[in-house]
Amino acid sequence: MAEIWENRVDKIIKDKRAKFIELANARVNRAIKDLQLVGNLANKRAYDYTEKDARHIFKALEAEIDKIKDRYKSGSERTNNIFNLE
């Protein structure tokens, strides 16, 4: 009986790990792509922005990265923040 229980626990752990890897790969790659798109906004030939705008963008991105780091340290749940340049 104990062996069956251990096998079930091992399977659950492996399933959770596989799901984490699958989602992490997809989400991190999507986040990198989206960050690259934000970087494209730096093209002065195509867009008009101020240094204040750029600082506001960086501050918002850095704050979100800091929240993610804290969540990995504590395992806490997320908070929703909406970015608005105006």
C-alpha atoms as a PDB file:
ATOM      1  CA  MET A   1       0.000   0.000   0.000  1.00  0.00           C
ATOM      2  CA  ALA A   2       2.801   2.412   0.883  1.00  0.00           C
ATOM      3  CA  GLU A   3       4.477   1.696  -2.467  1.00  0.00           C
ATOM      4  CA  ILE A   4       1.303   2.593  -4.372  1.00  0.00           C
ATOM      5  CA  TRP A   5       1.051   5.843  -2.404  1.00  0.00           C
ATOM      6  CA  GLU A   6       4.700   6.697  -3.108  1.00  0.00           C
ATOM      7  CA  ASN A   7       4.201   6.020  -6.827  1.00  0.00           C
ATOM      8  CA  ARG A   8       1.177   8.333  -6.891  1.00  0.00           C
ATOM      9  CA  VAL A   9       3.087  11.074  -5.093  1.00  0.00           C
ATOM     10  CA  ASP A  10       6.032  10.694  -7.481  1.00  0.00           C
ATOM     11  CA  LYS A  11       3.690  10.933 -10.471  1.00  0.00           C
ATOM     12  CA  ILE A  12       2.003  14.062  -9.087  1.00  0.00           C
ATOM     13  CA  ILE A  13       5.377  15.708  -8.481  1.00  0.00           C
ATOM     14  CA  LYS A  14       6.581  14.806 -11.984  1.00  0.00           C
ATOM     15  CA  ASP A  15       3.324  16.031 -13.541  1.00  0.00           C
ATOM     16  CA  LYS A  16       3.547  19.344 -11.666  1.00  0.00           C
ATOM     17  CA  ARG A  17       7.190  19.754 -12.733  1.00  0.00           C
ATOM     18  CA  ALA A  18       6.404  18.980 -16.383  1.00  0.00           C
ATOM     19  CA  LYS A  19       3.541  21.499 -16.357  1.00  0.00           C
ATOM     20  CA  PHE A  20       5.788  24.125 -14.774  1.00  0.00           C
ATOM     21  CA  ILE A  21       8.455  23.606 -17.438  1.00  0.00           C
ATOM     22  CA  GLU A  22       5.899  23.712 -20.252  1.00  0.00           C
ATOM     23  CA  LEU A  23       4.266  26.912 -19.014  1.00  0.00           C
ATOM     24  CA  ALA A  24       7.538  28.599 -18.011  1.00  0.00           C
ATOM     25  CA  ASN A  25       9.035  28.042 -21.446  1.00  0.00           C
ATOM     26  CA  ALA A  26       5.969  29.437 -23.211  1.00  0.00           C
ATOM     27  CA  ARG A  27       5.407  32.385 -20.885  1.00  0.00           C
ATOM     28  CA  VAL A  28       9.033  33.489 -20.591  1.00  0.00           C
ATOM     29  CA  ASN A  29       9.487  33.344 -24.347  1.00  0.00           C
ATOM     30  CA  ARG A  30       6.276  35.350 -24.813  1.00  0.00           C
ATOM     31  CA  ALA A  31       7.453  37.900 -22.218  1.00  0.00           C
ATOM     32  CA  ILE A  32      10.823  38.246 -23.974  1.00  0.00           C
ATOM     33  CA  LYS A  33       9.087  38.804 -27.305  1.00  0.00           C
ATOM     34  CA  ASP A  34       6.803  41.424 -25.749  1.00  0.00           C
ATOM     35  CA  LEU A  35       9.779  43.169 -24.131  1.00  0.00           C
ATOM     36  CA  GLN A  36      11.481  43.283 -27.521  1.00  0.00           C
ATOM     37  CA  LEU A  37       8.353  44.930 -28.916  1.00  0.00           C
ATOM     38  CA  VAL A  38       8.490  47.520 -26.125  1.00  0.00           C
ATOM     39  CA  GLY A  39      12.125  48.082 -27.097  1.00  0.00           C
ATOM     40  CA  ASN A  40      11.028  48.781 -30.658  1.00  0.00           C
ATOM     41  CA  LEU A  41       9.232  51.854 -29.323  1.00  0.00           C
ATOM     42  CA  ALA A  42      12.672  53.442 -28.850  1.00  0.00           C
ATOM     43  CA  ASN A  43      12.854  54.071 -32.605  1.00  0.00           C
ATOM     44  CA  LYS A  44      12.822  57.887 -32.752  1.00  0.00           C
ATOM     45  CA  ARG A  45      12.176  57.795 -36.510  1.00  0.00           C
ATOM     46  CA  ALA A  46       8.851  56.057 -35.940  1.00  0.00           C
ATOM     47  CA  TYR A  47       7.750  57.336 -32.513  1.00  0.00           C
ATOM     48  CA  ASP A  48       7.845  60.496 -30.439  1.00  0.00           C
ATOM     49  CA  TYR A  49       8.450  60.068 -26.709  1.00  0.00           C
ATOM     50  CA  THR A  50      10.089  61.936 -23.875  1.00  0.00           C
ATOM     51  CA  GLU A  51      12.712  60.755 -21.413  1.00  0.00           C
ATOM     52  CA  LYS A  52       9.960  60.951 -18.808  1.00  0.00           C
ATOM     53  CA  ASP A  53       7.908  58.473 -20.870  1.00  0.00           C
ATOM     54  CA  ALA A  54      10.888  56.118 -21.087  1.00  0.00           C
ATOM     55  CA  ARG A  55      11.548  56.349 -17.327  1.00  0.00           C
ATOM     56  CA  HIS A  56       7.870  55.632 -16.660  1.00  0.00           C
ATOM     57  CA  ILE A  57       8.036  52.510 -18.835  1.00  0.00           C
ATOM     58  CA  PHE A  58      11.252  51.285 -17.177  1.00  0.00           C
ATOM     59  CA  LYS A  59       9.871  51.953 -13.702  1.00  0.00           C
ATOM     60  CA  ALA A  60       6.715  49.935 -14.445  1.00  0.00           C
ATOM     61  CA  LEU A  61       8.680  47.001 -15.918  1.00  0.00           C
ATOM     62  CA  GLU A  62      11.228  46.970 -13.106  1.00  0.00           C
ATOM     63  CA  ALA A  63       8.469  47.093 -10.471  1.00  0.00           C
ATOM     64  CA  GLU A  64       6.768  44.080 -12.049  1.00  0.00           C
ATOM     65  CA  ILE A  65      10.061  42.132 -12.198  1.00  0.00           C
ATOM     66  CA  ASP A  66      10.628  42.925  -8.511  1.00  0.00           C
ATOM     67  CA  LYS A  67       7.145  41.613  -7.677  1.00  0.00           C
ATOM     68  CA  ILE A  68       7.845  38.410  -9.589  1.00  0.00           C
ATOM     69  CA  LYS A  69      11.115  37.915  -7.693  1.00  0.00           C
ATOM     70  CA  ASP A  70       9.293  38.400  -4.387  1.00  0.00           C
ATOM     71  CA  ARG A  71       6.635  35.877  -5.399  1.00  0.00           C
ATOM     72  CA  TYR A  72       9.290  33.256  -6.133  1.00  0.00           C
ATOM     73  CA  LYS A  73      10.881  33.901  -2.745  1.00  0.00           C
ATOM     74  CA  SER A  74       7.626  33.693  -0.796  1.00  0.00           C
ATOM     75  CA  GLY A  75       5.297  31.718  -3.060  1.00  0.00           C
ATOM     76  CA  SER A  76       2.654  34.423  -2.700  1.00  0.00           C
ATOM     77  CA  GLU A  77      -0.138  35.218  -5.119  1.00  0.00           C
ATOM     78  CA  ARG A  78      -0.103  37.887  -7.790  1.00  0.00           C
ATOM     79  CA  THR A  79      -1.493  41.379  -7.785  1.00  0.00           C
ATOM     80  CA  ASN A  80      -2.996  43.050 -10.831  1.00  0.00           C
ATOM     81  CA  ASN A  81      -1.511  46.304 -12.030  1.00  0.00           C
ATOM     82  CA  ILE A  82      -2.411  48.085 -15.212  1.00  0.00           C
ATOM     83  CA  PHE A  83       0.163  50.291 -16.922  1.00  0.00           C
ATOM     84  CA  ASN A  84      -0.997  53.598 -18.364  1.00  0.00           C
ATOM     85  CA  LEU A  85       1.432  56.165 -19.715  1.00  0.00           C
ATOM     86  CA  GLU A  86      -1.030  59.059 -19.550  1.00  0.00           C
END
